């Protein structure tokens, strides 16, 4: 009888250790995924900046995406005020 209760207690303790280990693995995985997503976002931002600079250099400054967007916003605003 004592052996069965000792076995059950051991099994319960082992299960708790396994569950806590899984929690640690999950937390570590979430941290790794978070860092990877931040790195990917930074790489995308850097690529966009480089592409905009290359476009600006290739067109010798004739096209500037920032100014184009600003002009479109101003055009939309003036069109909405006229109506």
Protein backbone atom coordinates (compact mmCIF):
# COMPACT_ATOMS: atom_id res chain seq x y z
CA UNK A 1 0.00 0.00 0.00
CA UNK A 2 2.80 2.39 0.88
CA UNK A 3 4.52 1.54 -2.39
CA UNK A 4 1.42 2.47 -4.40
CA UNK A 5 1.00 5.82 -2.64
CA UNK A 6 4.73 6.52 -3.06
CA UNK A 7 4.44 5.66 -6.76
CA UNK A 8 1.41 7.92 -7.17
CA UNK A 9 3.19 10.77 -5.39
CA UNK A 10 6.26 10.27 -7.57
CA UNK A 11 4.14 10.24 -10.71
CA UNK A 12 2.41 13.45 -9.61
CA UNK A 13 5.74 15.14 -8.83
CA UNK A 14 7.16 14.05 -12.17
CA UNK A 15 4.09 15.40 -13.96
CA UNK A 16 4.48 18.77 -12.23
CA UNK A 17 8.14 18.93 -13.21
CA UNK A 18 7.23 18.15 -16.82
CA UNK A 19 4.49 20.81 -16.86
CA UNK A 20 6.77 23.46 -15.40
CA UNK A 21 9.42 22.49 -17.93
CA UNK A 22 6.89 22.92 -20.74
CA UNK A 23 6.00 26.38 -19.44
CA UNK A 24 9.67 27.36 -19.53
CA UNK A 25 10.02 26.04 -23.06
CA UNK A 26 6.91 27.95 -24.13
CA UNK A 27 8.17 31.19 -22.59
CA UNK A 28 11.55 30.75 -24.23
CA UNK A 29 9.93 30.06 -27.59
CA UNK A 30 7.78 33.17 -27.26
CA UNK A 31 10.87 35.27 -26.52
CA UNK A 32 12.69 33.85 -29.53
CA UNK A 33 9.68 34.47 -31.77
CA UNK A 34 9.38 38.03 -30.46
CA UNK A 35 13.04 38.75 -31.16
CA UNK A 36 12.78 37.19 -34.61
CA UNK A 37 9.74 39.29 -35.49
CA UNK A 38 11.50 42.47 -34.34
CA UNK A 39 14.52 41.57 -36.47
CA UNK A 40 12.29 40.88 -39.47
CA UNK A 41 10.48 44.20 -39.00
CA UNK A 42 13.80 46.05 -38.81
CA UNK A 43 15.02 44.30 -41.96
CA UNK A 44 11.83 45.28 -43.81
CA UNK A 45 12.15 48.90 -42.68
CA UNK A 46 15.81 49.00 -43.72
CA UNK A 47 14.96 47.47 -47.10
CA UNK A 48 12.20 50.02 -47.67
CA UNK A 49 14.53 52.91 -46.85
CA UNK A 50 17.21 51.53 -49.16
CA UNK A 51 14.67 51.06 -51.96
CA UNK A 52 13.37 54.62 -51.57
CA UNK A 53 16.91 55.97 -51.62
CA UNK A 54 17.81 53.91 -54.69
CA UNK A 55 14.66 55.11 -56.46
CA UNK A 56 15.46 58.70 -55.59
CA UNK A 57 19.02 58.33 -56.85
CA UNK A 58 17.89 56.55 -60.01
CA UNK A 59 15.39 59.27 -60.86
CA UNK A 60 17.81 61.99 -59.73
CA UNK A 61 15.31 63.28 -57.21
CA UNK A 62 12.49 63.80 -59.72
CA UNK A 63 10.25 61.42 -57.80
CA UNK A 64 10.09 61.61 -54.03
CA UNK A 65 7.60 59.16 -52.46
CA UNK A 66 7.17 61.36 -49.38
CA UNK A 67 6.28 64.46 -51.39
CA UNK A 68 3.99 62.50 -53.70
CA UNK A 69 1.99 61.20 -50.73
CA UNK A 70 1.82 64.70 -49.21
CA UNK A 71 0.58 66.18 -52.49
CA UNK A 72 -2.09 63.48 -52.80
CA UNK A 73 -3.31 64.27 -49.27
CA UNK A 74 -3.50 67.99 -50.05
CA UNK A 75 -5.37 67.30 -53.28
CA UNK A 76 -7.87 65.12 -51.43
CA UNK A 77 -8.38 67.82 -48.79
CA UNK A 78 -8.94 70.59 -51.34
CA UNK A 79 -11.37 68.39 -53.30
CA UNK A 80 -13.42 67.65 -50.19
CA UNK A 81 -13.57 71.35 -49.26
CA UNK A 82 -14.85 72.31 -52.73
CA UNK A 83 -17.92 70.07 -52.50
